Amino acid sequence: MKRILKCQKCHQYTMQETHSCGGTAITPKPAKFNLEDKYGRLRRKAKEDEWKKAGLI
C-alpha cells in the first residue's frame, strides 16, 4: 500500500521516495501517542532548549 510522503527539501507532497527537486520524502505523520514514552522527557527538554535559544522563553 502506497502512502503519501512529504519532501524534506521543498515541503511538497508526493507518492515517490525521492522528489523531482532531488530531496528525499518522509512520512509527514507524527509518532503514535504512547503513555509509556521512553524518550518524551528528552524530546521535551530539547524543544525547551530550542525555544530558549530562539528567545521565546
N, C-alpha and C. Protein backbone atom coordinates (compact mmCIF):
# COMPACT_ATOMS: atom_id res chain seq x y z
N MET A 1 0.84 -1.17 0.00
CA MET A 1 0.00 0.00 0.00
C MET A 1 0.89 1.24 0.00
N LYS A 2 0.65 2.15 -0.91
CA LYS A 2 1.41 3.39 -1.01
C LYS A 2 0.87 4.41 -0.03
N ARG A 3 1.75 5.21 0.49
CA ARG A 3 1.36 6.28 1.42
C ARG A 3 1.87 7.60 0.88
N ILE A 4 1.21 8.65 1.29
CA ILE A 4 1.63 9.99 0.87
C ILE A 4 2.85 10.38 1.69
N LEU A 5 3.82 10.99 1.04
CA LEU A 5 5.06 11.40 1.67
C LEU A 5 5.26 12.89 1.44
N LYS A 6 6.13 13.49 2.26
CA LYS A 6 6.42 14.91 2.14
C LYS A 6 7.91 15.10 1.91
N CYS A 7 8.24 15.89 0.90
CA CYS A 7 9.63 16.15 0.56
C CYS A 7 10.26 17.02 1.65
N GLN A 8 11.45 16.64 2.10
CA GLN A 8 12.14 17.41 3.13
C GLN A 8 12.74 18.69 2.58
N LYS A 9 13.02 18.73 1.30
CA LYS A 9 13.69 19.88 0.70
C LYS A 9 12.71 20.99 0.33
N CYS A 10 11.63 20.65 -0.40
CA CYS A 10 10.71 21.69 -0.88
C CYS A 10 9.35 21.64 -0.19
N HIS A 11 9.12 20.70 0.71
CA HIS A 11 7.91 20.57 1.52
C HIS A 11 6.64 20.33 0.69
N GLN A 12 6.77 19.71 -0.48
CA GLN A 12 5.61 19.33 -1.27
C GLN A 12 5.31 17.86 -1.03
N TYR A 13 4.05 17.48 -1.23
CA TYR A 13 3.63 16.10 -1.02
C TYR A 13 3.83 15.30 -2.30
N THR A 14 4.18 14.01 -2.14
CA THR A 14 4.44 13.14 -3.27
C THR A 14 4.16 11.70 -2.87
N MET A 15 4.13 10.81 -3.85
CA MET A 15 3.99 9.38 -3.60
C MET A 15 5.32 8.66 -3.83
N GLN A 16 6.33 9.38 -4.30
CA GLN A 16 7.63 8.80 -4.62
C GLN A 16 8.57 8.92 -3.42
N GLU A 17 9.57 8.03 -3.35
CA GLU A 17 10.56 8.07 -2.28
C GLU A 17 11.48 9.28 -2.44
N THR A 18 11.76 9.67 -3.68
CA THR A 18 12.56 10.86 -3.95
C THR A 18 11.73 11.80 -4.80
N HIS A 19 11.80 13.07 -4.51
CA HIS A 19 11.01 14.08 -5.22
C HIS A 19 11.79 14.60 -6.42
N SER A 20 11.11 15.23 -7.36
CA SER A 20 11.75 15.74 -8.57
C SER A 20 12.78 16.84 -8.28
N CYS A 21 12.66 17.50 -7.12
CA CYS A 21 13.64 18.55 -6.76
C CYS A 21 14.95 17.96 -6.26
N GLY A 22 14.97 16.63 -6.03
CA GLY A 22 16.19 15.97 -5.56
C GLY A 22 16.16 15.67 -4.07
N GLY A 23 15.12 16.08 -3.38
CA GLY A 23 15.01 15.83 -1.94
C GLY A 23 14.41 14.47 -1.65
N THR A 24 14.67 13.96 -0.46
CA THR A 24 14.08 12.69 -0.05
C THR A 24 12.74 12.95 0.62
N ALA A 25 11.83 12.00 0.49
CA ALA A 25 10.50 12.15 1.04
C ALA A 25 10.34 11.28 2.28
N ILE A 26 9.69 11.83 3.30
CA ILE A 26 9.44 11.09 4.54
C ILE A 26 7.95 11.15 4.84
N THR A 27 7.50 10.32 5.76
CA THR A 27 6.11 10.34 6.15
C THR A 27 5.85 11.57 7.01
N PRO A 28 4.78 12.33 6.74
CA PRO A 28 4.53 13.57 7.48
C PRO A 28 3.82 13.35 8.81
N LYS A 29 3.49 12.12 9.14
CA LYS A 29 2.73 11.83 10.35
C LYS A 29 3.63 11.83 11.59
N PRO A 30 3.14 12.31 12.71
CA PRO A 30 3.92 12.21 13.95
C PRO A 30 3.87 10.77 14.48
N ALA A 31 4.72 10.46 15.42
CA ALA A 31 4.72 9.14 16.02
C ALA A 31 3.44 8.92 16.81
N LYS A 32 3.03 7.66 16.95
CA LYS A 32 1.82 7.35 17.70
C LYS A 32 2.01 7.72 19.17
N PHE A 33 0.92 8.15 19.80
CA PHE A 33 0.96 8.51 21.21
C PHE A 33 1.08 7.25 22.06
N ASN A 34 1.93 7.30 23.07
CA ASN A 34 2.11 6.18 23.97
C ASN A 34 2.37 6.75 25.36
N LEU A 35 1.60 6.30 26.35
CA LEU A 35 1.78 6.78 27.72
C LEU A 35 3.15 6.42 28.27
N GLU A 36 3.70 5.30 27.83
CA GLU A 36 5.00 4.85 28.30
C GLU A 36 6.10 5.29 27.35
N ASP A 37 6.11 6.57 26.98
CA ASP A 37 7.07 7.13 26.05
C ASP A 37 8.44 7.21 26.72
N LYS A 38 9.39 6.42 26.22
CA LYS A 38 10.72 6.36 26.83
C LYS A 38 11.52 7.64 26.61
N TYR A 39 11.30 8.31 25.49
CA TYR A 39 12.12 9.45 25.12
C TYR A 39 11.38 10.78 25.22
N GLY A 40 10.19 10.80 25.77
CA GLY A 40 9.40 12.01 25.87
C GLY A 40 10.08 13.11 26.67
N ARG A 41 10.69 12.74 27.78
CA ARG A 41 11.37 13.71 28.62
C ARG A 41 12.52 14.37 27.87
N LEU A 42 13.29 13.58 27.12
CA LEU A 42 14.41 14.12 26.35
C LEU A 42 13.93 15.01 25.22
N ARG A 43 12.83 14.62 24.57
CA ARG A 43 12.29 15.41 23.47
C ARG A 43 11.77 16.75 23.96
N ARG A 44 11.07 16.75 25.11
CA ARG A 44 10.58 18.00 25.68
C ARG A 44 11.72 18.90 26.12
N LYS A 45 12.79 18.34 26.66
CA LYS A 45 13.96 19.11 27.07
C LYS A 45 14.63 19.75 25.86
N ALA A 46 14.76 19.00 24.76
CA ALA A 46 15.37 19.54 23.55
C ALA A 46 14.54 20.68 22.98
N LYS A 47 13.21 20.53 23.00
CA LYS A 47 12.33 21.58 22.49
C LYS A 47 12.43 22.82 23.37
N GLU A 48 12.50 22.63 24.68
CA GLU A 48 12.63 23.77 25.60
C GLU A 48 13.95 24.50 25.37
N ASP A 49 15.04 23.76 25.17
CA ASP A 49 16.34 24.38 24.89
C ASP A 49 16.30 25.16 23.58
N GLU A 50 15.63 24.61 22.57
CA GLU A 50 15.50 25.30 21.28
C GLU A 50 14.72 26.59 21.43
N TRP A 51 13.66 26.57 22.22
CA TRP A 51 12.85 27.77 22.44
C TRP A 51 13.64 28.83 23.20
N LYS A 52 14.46 28.40 24.19
CA LYS A 52 15.28 29.34 24.94
C LYS A 52 16.31 29.99 24.03
N LYS A 53 16.90 29.20 23.14
CA LYS A 53 17.91 29.73 22.21
C LYS A 53 17.27 30.75 21.26
N ALA A 54 16.02 30.54 20.89
CA ALA A 54 15.31 31.47 19.98
C ALA A 54 14.75 32.67 20.73
N GLY A 55 14.81 32.66 22.06
CA GLY A 55 14.30 33.77 22.85
C GLY A 55 12.80 33.76 23.06
N LEU A 56 12.19 32.62 22.91
CA LEU A 56 10.74 32.50 23.07
C LEU A 56 10.34 32.24 24.53
N ILE A 57 11.29 31.78 25.33
CA ILE A 57 11.02 31.54 26.76
C ILE A 57 11.90 32.44 27.58
